[in-house]
Amino acid sequence: MSIGIWQIAIVVILVVLLFGRGKISSLMGDVAKGIKSFKKGMASDVTDETDNKPKNISDENQDSNNKE
């Protein structure tokens, strides 16, 4: 049993009736912003990998303990 065009149409109509067109469009805008920020974050991670010096979190914790 496969999903037909009528089942898809009924689901789309129900979603539009429940949420309204404005809510769906704002939700899609938020999804697009999330995707853009994810891509931007991934691009900045690639540029950060060019820094060959590994970061050690325990060194930072020891430095903050020594300052006290």
PDB file of N, CA and C in Angstrom:
ATOM      1  N   MET A   1       0.844  -1.179   0.000  1.00  0.00           N
ATOM      2  CA  MET A   1       0.000   0.000   0.000  1.00  0.00           C
ATOM      3  C   MET A   1       0.887   1.240   0.000  1.00  0.00           C
ATOM      4  N   SER A   2       0.789   2.012  -1.046  1.00  0.00           N
ATOM      5  CA  SER A   2       1.621   3.200  -1.165  1.00  0.00           C
ATOM      6  C   SER A   2       0.785   4.451  -0.911  1.00  0.00           C
ATOM      7  N   ILE A   3       1.482   5.525  -0.644  1.00  0.00           N
ATOM      8  CA  ILE A   3       0.816   6.797  -0.386  1.00  0.00           C
ATOM      9  C   ILE A   3       0.427   7.414  -1.721  1.00  0.00           C
ATOM     10  N   GLY A   4      -0.816   7.754  -1.864  1.00  0.00           N
ATOM     11  CA  GLY A   4      -1.308   8.339  -3.106  1.00  0.00           C
ATOM     12  C   GLY A   4      -1.394   9.849  -3.022  1.00  0.00           C
ATOM     13  N   ILE A   5      -1.735  10.450  -4.146  1.00  0.00           N
ATOM     14  CA  ILE A   5      -1.823  11.907  -4.223  1.00  0.00           C
ATOM     15  C   ILE A   5      -2.950  12.430  -3.338  1.00  0.00           C
ATOM     16  N   TRP A   6      -4.033  11.653  -3.182  1.00  0.00           N
ATOM     17  CA  TRP A   6      -5.162  12.107  -2.377  1.00  0.00           C
ATOM     18  C   TRP A   6      -4.813  12.123  -0.889  1.00  0.00           C
ATOM     19  N   GLN A   7      -4.049  11.151  -0.438  1.00  0.00           N
ATOM     20  CA  GLN A   7      -3.634  11.155   0.964  1.00  0.00           C
ATOM     21  C   GLN A   7      -2.718  12.344   1.258  1.00  0.00           C
ATOM     22  N   ILE A   8      -1.814  12.632   0.348  1.00  0.00           N
ATOM     23  CA  ILE A   8      -0.916  13.771   0.521  1.00  0.00           C
ATOM     24  C   ILE A   8      -1.710  15.074   0.536  1.00  0.00           C
ATOM     25  N   ALA A   9      -2.690  15.200  -0.367  1.00  0.00           N
ATOM     26  CA  ALA A   9      -3.510  16.406  -0.435  1.00  0.00           C
ATOM     27  C   ALA A   9      -4.300  16.604   0.854  1.00  0.00           C
ATOM     28  N   ILE A  10      -4.844  15.535   1.403  1.00  0.00           N
ATOM     29  CA  ILE A  10      -5.609  15.637   2.650  1.00  0.00           C
ATOM     30  C   ILE A  10      -4.716  16.066   3.804  1.00  0.00           C
ATOM     31  N   VAL A  11      -3.519  15.514   3.893  1.00  0.00           N
ATOM     32  CA  VAL A  11      -2.581  15.892   4.958  1.00  0.00           C
ATOM     33  C   VAL A  11      -2.188  17.362   4.826  1.00  0.00           C
ATOM     34  N   VAL A  12      -1.928  17.819   3.611  1.00  0.00           N
ATOM     35  CA  VAL A  12      -1.548  19.222   3.391  1.00  0.00           C
ATOM     36  C   VAL A  12      -2.693  20.148   3.786  1.00  0.00           C
ATOM     37  N   ILE A  13      -3.902  19.792   3.412  1.00  0.00           N
ATOM     38  CA  ILE A  13      -5.062  20.615   3.767  1.00  0.00           C
ATOM     39  C   ILE A  13      -5.238  20.674   5.280  1.00  0.00           C
ATOM     40  N   LEU A  14      -5.085  19.551   5.960  1.00  0.00           N
ATOM     41  CA  LEU A  14      -5.210  19.535   7.417  1.00  0.00           C
ATOM     42  C   LEU A  14      -4.136  20.393   8.089  1.00  0.00           C
ATOM     43  N   VAL A  15      -2.917  20.318   7.590  1.00  0.00           N
ATOM     44  CA  VAL A  15      -1.830  21.112   8.170  1.00  0.00           C
ATOM     45  C   VAL A  15      -2.097  22.599   7.984  1.00  0.00           C
ATOM     46  N   VAL A  16      -2.561  22.983   6.799  1.00  0.00           N
ATOM     47  CA  VAL A  16      -2.860  24.393   6.544  1.00  0.00           C
ATOM     48  C   VAL A  16      -4.011  24.856   7.425  1.00  0.00           C
ATOM     49  N   LEU A  17      -5.011  24.025   7.611  1.00  0.00           N
ATOM     50  CA  LEU A  17      -6.135  24.403   8.462  1.00  0.00           C
ATOM     51  C   LEU A  17      -5.720  24.533   9.924  1.00  0.00           C
ATOM     52  N   LEU A  18      -4.847  23.645  10.388  1.00  0.00           N
ATOM     53  CA  LEU A  18      -4.434  23.675  11.787  1.00  0.00           C
ATOM     54  C   LEU A  18      -3.495  24.838  12.097  1.00  0.00           C
ATOM     55  N   PHE A  19      -2.528  25.068  11.239  1.00  0.00           N
ATOM     56  CA  PHE A  19      -1.486  26.048  11.537  1.00  0.00           C
ATOM     57  C   PHE A  19      -1.669  27.377  10.817  1.00  0.00           C
ATOM     58  N   GLY A  20      -2.335  27.400   9.709  1.00  0.00           N
ATOM     59  CA  GLY A  20      -2.494  28.631   8.939  1.00  0.00           C
ATOM     60  C   GLY A  20      -1.292  28.889   8.063  1.00  0.00           C
ATOM     61  N   ARG A  21      -1.519  29.649   7.001  1.00  0.00           N
ATOM     62  CA  ARG A  21      -0.432  29.914   6.048  1.00  0.00           C
ATOM     63  C   ARG A  21       0.670  30.762   6.660  1.00  0.00           C
ATOM     64  N   GLY A  22       0.318  31.721   7.497  1.00  0.00           N
ATOM     65  CA  GLY A  22       1.326  32.603   8.094  1.00  0.00           C
ATOM     66  C   GLY A  22       2.283  31.860   9.002  1.00  0.00           C
ATOM     67  N   LYS A  23       1.748  30.957   9.794  1.00  0.00           N
ATOM     68  CA  LYS A  23       2.588  30.189  10.716  1.00  0.00           C
ATOM     69  C   LYS A  23       3.529  29.263   9.948  1.00  0.00           C
ATOM     70  N   ILE A  24       3.027  28.650   8.880  1.00  0.00           N
ATOM     71  CA  ILE A  24       3.862  27.736   8.091  1.00  0.00           C
ATOM     72  C   ILE A  24       4.976  28.509   7.391  1.00  0.00           C
ATOM     73  N   SER A  25       4.672  29.682   6.837  1.00  0.00           N
ATOM     74  CA  SER A  25       5.708  30.455   6.146  1.00  0.00           C
ATOM     75  C   SER A  25       6.771  30.961   7.120  1.00  0.00           C
ATOM     76  N   SER A  26       6.357  31.359   8.324  1.00  0.00           N
ATOM     77  CA  SER A  26       7.353  31.805   9.306  1.00  0.00           C
ATOM     78  C   SER A  26       8.205  30.630   9.779  1.00  0.00           C
ATOM     79  N   LEU A  27       7.603  29.464   9.878  1.00  0.00           N
ATOM     80  CA  LEU A  27       8.352  28.267  10.265  1.00  0.00           C
ATOM     81  C   LEU A  27       9.379  27.903   9.202  1.00  0.00           C
ATOM     82  N   MET A  28       8.999  28.009   7.936  1.00  0.00           N
ATOM     83  CA  MET A  28       9.939  27.723   6.850  1.00  0.00           C
ATOM     84  C   MET A  28      11.071  28.749   6.833  1.00  0.00           C
ATOM     85  N   GLY A  29      10.761  30.006   7.158  1.00  0.00           N
ATOM     86  CA  GLY A  29      11.810  31.024   7.247  1.00  0.00           C
ATOM     87  C   GLY A  29      12.794  30.713   8.358  1.00  0.00           C
ATOM     88  N   ASP A  30      12.290  30.236   9.491  1.00  0.00           N
ATOM     89  CA  ASP A  30      13.165  29.851  10.599  1.00  0.00           C
ATOM     90  C   ASP A  30      14.032  28.659  10.227  1.00  0.00           C
ATOM     91  N   VAL A  31      13.464  27.713   9.494  1.00  0.00           N
ATOM     92  CA  VAL A  31      14.241  26.548   9.048  1.00  0.00           C
ATOM     93  C   VAL A  31      15.354  26.995   8.104  1.00  0.00           C
ATOM     94  N   ALA A  32      15.031  27.923   7.198  1.00  0.00           N
ATOM     95  CA  ALA A  32      16.045  28.419   6.263  1.00  0.00           C
ATOM     96  C   ALA A  32      17.170  29.142   7.003  1.00  0.00           C
ATOM     97  N   LYS A  33      16.831  29.942   8.020  1.00  0.00           N
ATOM     98  CA  LYS A  33      17.861  30.627   8.811  1.00  0.00           C
ATOM     99  C   LYS A  33      18.741  29.620   9.543  1.00  0.00           C
ATOM    100  N   GLY A  34      18.124  28.552  10.041  1.00  0.00           N
ATOM    101  CA  GLY A  34      18.896  27.519  10.724  1.00  0.00           C
ATOM    102  C   GLY A  34      19.863  26.821   9.795  1.00  0.00           C
ATOM    103  N   ILE A  35      19.419  26.537   8.583  1.00  0.00           N
ATOM    104  CA  ILE A  35      20.290  25.880   7.607  1.00  0.00           C
ATOM    105  C   ILE A  35      21.448  26.794   7.233  1.00  0.00           C
ATOM    106  N   LYS A  36      21.159  28.087   7.040  1.00  0.00           N
ATOM    107  CA  LYS A  36      22.220  29.034   6.691  1.00  0.00           C
ATOM    108  C   LYS A  36      23.247  29.148   7.809  1.00  0.00           C
ATOM    109  N   SER A  37      22.780  29.220   9.055  1.00  0.00           N
ATOM    110  CA  SER A  37      23.732  29.337  10.163  1.00  0.00           C
ATOM    111  C   SER A  37      24.529  28.053  10.338  1.00  0.00           C
ATOM    112  N   PHE A  38      23.907  26.901  10.051  1.00  0.00           N
ATOM    113  CA  PHE A  38      24.630  25.628  10.121  1.00  0.00           C
ATOM    114  C   PHE A  38      25.728  25.590   9.074  1.00  0.00           C
ATOM    115  N   LYS A  39      25.411  26.000   7.855  1.00  0.00           N
ATOM    116  CA  LYS A  39      26.420  26.017   6.788  1.00  0.00           C
ATOM    117  C   LYS A  39      27.546  26.987   7.118  1.00  0.00           C
ATOM    118  N   LYS A  40      27.185  28.143   7.693  1.00  0.00           N
ATOM    119  CA  LYS A  40      28.197  29.122   8.078  1.00  0.00           C
ATOM    120  C   LYS A  40      29.099  28.560   9.171  1.00  0.00           C
ATOM    121  N   GLY A  41      28.514  27.856  10.124  1.00  0.00           N
ATOM    122  CA  GLY A  41      29.296  27.239  11.189  1.00  0.00           C
ATOM    123  C   GLY A  41      30.213  26.153  10.671  1.00  0.00           C
ATOM    124  N   MET A  42      29.730  25.377   9.719  1.00  0.00           N
ATOM    125  CA  MET A  42      30.568  24.323   9.139  1.00  0.00           C
ATOM    126  C   MET A  42      31.719  24.935   8.356  1.00  0.00           C
ATOM    127  N   ALA A  43      31.470  26.043   7.664  1.00  0.00           N
ATOM    128  CA  ALA A  43      32.528  26.705   6.905  1.00  0.00           C
ATOM    129  C   ALA A  43      33.582  27.278   7.839  1.00  0.00           C
ATOM    130  N   SER A  44      33.175  27.810   8.986  1.00  0.00           N
ATOM    131  CA  SER A  44      34.148  28.362   9.918  1.00  0.00           C
ATOM    132  C   SER A  44      34.939  27.246  10.602  1.00  0.00           C
ATOM    133  N   ASP A  45      34.344  26.063  10.774  1.00  0.00           N
ATOM    134  CA  ASP A  45      35.078  24.933  11.340  1.00  0.00           C
ATOM    135  C   ASP A  45      36.181  24.483  10.401  1.00  0.00           C
ATOM    136  N   VAL A  46      35.945  24.547   9.111  1.00  0.00           N
ATOM    137  CA  VAL A  46      36.959  24.159   8.132  1.00  0.00           C
ATOM    138  C   VAL A  46      38.135  25.116   8.202  1.00  0.00           C
ATOM    139  N   THR A  47      37.881  26.404   8.369  1.00  0.00           N
ATOM    140  CA  THR A  47      38.977  27.361   8.454  1.00  0.00           C
ATOM    141  C   THR A  47      39.708  27.230   9.782  1.00  0.00           C
ATOM    142  N   ASP A  48      39.009  26.801  10.852  1.00  0.00           N
ATOM    143  CA  ASP A  48      39.658  26.614  12.141  1.00  0.00           C
ATOM    144  C   ASP A  48      40.597  25.412  12.130  1.00  0.00           C
ATOM    145  N   GLU A  49      40.351  24.449  11.254  1.00  0.00           N
ATOM    146  CA  GLU A  49      41.200  23.257  11.191  1.00  0.00           C
ATOM    147  C   GLU A  49      42.577  23.572  10.623  1.00  0.00           C
ATOM    148  N   THR A  50      42.728  24.722   9.972  1.00  0.00           N
ATOM    149  CA  THR A  50      44.041  25.083   9.451  1.00  0.00           C
ATOM    150  C   THR A  50      44.999  25.430  10.578  1.00  0.00           C
ATOM    151  N   ASP A  51      44.480  25.757  11.753  1.00  0.00           N
ATOM    152  CA  ASP A  51      45.299  26.000  12.930  1.00  0.00           C
ATOM    153  C   ASP A  51      45.757  24.640  13.448  1.00  0.00           C
ATOM    154  N   ASN A  52      47.038  24.342  13.328  1.00  0.00           N
ATOM    155  CA  ASN A  52      47.549  23.007  13.649  1.00  0.00           C
ATOM    156  C   ASN A  52      47.765  22.786  15.132  1.00  0.00           C
ATOM    157  N   LYS A  53      47.727  23.827  15.938  1.00  0.00           N
ATOM    158  CA  LYS A  53      47.959  23.685  17.371  1.00  0.00           C
ATOM    159  C   LYS A  53      46.698  23.131  18.040  1.00  0.00           C
ATOM    160  N   PRO A  54      46.769  21.956  18.643  1.00  0.00           N
ATOM    161  CA  PRO A  54      45.573  21.401  19.291  1.00  0.00           C
ATOM    162  C   PRO A  54      45.248  22.175  20.568  1.00  0.00           C
ATOM    163  N   LYS A  55      43.980  22.263  20.843  1.00  0.00           N
ATOM    164  CA  LYS A  55      43.534  22.965  22.045  1.00  0.00           C
ATOM    165  C   LYS A  55      43.307  21.950  23.148  1.00  0.00           C
ATOM    166  N   ASN A  56      43.801  22.252  24.330  1.00  0.00           N
ATOM    167  CA  ASN A  56      43.666  21.351  25.455  1.00  0.00           C
ATOM    168  C   ASN A  56      42.826  22.050  26.520  1.00  0.00           C
ATOM    169  N   ILE A  57      41.678  21.512  26.798  1.00  0.00           N
ATOM    170  CA  ILE A  57      40.761  22.141  27.743  1.00  0.00           C
ATOM    171  C   ILE A  57      41.315  22.068  29.161  1.00  0.00           C
ATOM    172  N   SER A  58      42.014  21.003  29.499  1.00  0.00           N
ATOM    173  CA  SER A  58      42.528  20.872  30.861  1.00  0.00           C
ATOM    174  C   SER A  58      43.568  21.952  31.168  1.00  0.00           C
ATOM    175  N   ASP A  59      44.330  22.397  30.165  1.00  0.00           N
ATOM    176  CA  ASP A  59      45.284  23.484  30.379  1.00  0.00           C
ATOM    177  C   ASP A  59      44.560  24.770  30.747  1.00  0.00           C
ATOM    178  N   GLU A  60      43.419  25.027  30.095  1.00  0.00           N
ATOM    179  CA  GLU A  60      42.659  26.234  30.402  1.00  0.00           C
ATOM    180  C   GLU A  60      42.109  26.169  31.820  1.00  0.00           C
ATOM    181  N   ASN A  61      41.689  24.999  32.256  1.00  0.00           N
ATOM    182  CA  ASN A  61      41.161  24.850  33.615  1.00  0.00           C
ATOM    183  C   ASN A  61      42.258  25.053  34.650  1.00  0.00           C
ATOM    184  N   GLN A  62      43.468  24.571  34.393  1.00  0.00           N
ATOM    185  CA  GLN A  62      44.563  24.756  35.318  1.00  0.00           C
ATOM    186  C   GLN A  62      44.954  26.227  35.409  1.00  0.00           C
ATOM    187  N   ASP A  63      44.918  26.938  34.270  1.00  0.00           N
ATOM    188  CA  ASP A  63      45.226  28.359  34.283  1.00  0.00           C
ATOM    189  C   ASP A  63      44.238  29.147  35.131  1.00  0.00           C
ATOM    190  N   SER A  64      42.954  28.802  35.035  1.00  0.00           N
ATOM    191  CA  SER A  64      41.963  29.522  35.813  1.00  0.00           C
ATOM    192  C   SER A  64      42.082  29.188  37.308  1.00  0.00           C
ATOM    193  N   ASN A  65      42.530  27.976  37.630  1.00  0.00           N
ATOM    194  CA  ASN A  65      42.737  27.616  39.026  1.00  0.00           C
ATOM    195  C   ASN A  65      43.958  28.334  39.611  1.00  0.00           C
ATOM    196  N   ASN A  66      44.971  28.548  38.804  1.00  0.00           N
ATOM    197  CA  ASN A  66      46.175  29.226  39.269  1.00  0.00           C
ATOM    198  C   ASN A  66      45.948  30.709  39.502  1.00  0.00           C
ATOM    199  N   LYS A  67      44.985  31.312  38.840  1.00  0.00           N
ATOM    200  CA  LYS A  67      44.722  32.734  38.976  1.00  0.00           C
ATOM    201  C   LYS A  67      44.045  33.058  40.302  1.00  0.00           C
ATOM    202  N   GLU A  68      43.372  32.102  40.893  1.00  0.00           N
ATOM    203  CA  GLU A  68      42.625  32.347  42.125  1.00  0.00           C
ATOM    204  C   GLU A  68      43.500  32.477  43.308  1.00  0.00           C
TER     205      GLU A  68
END
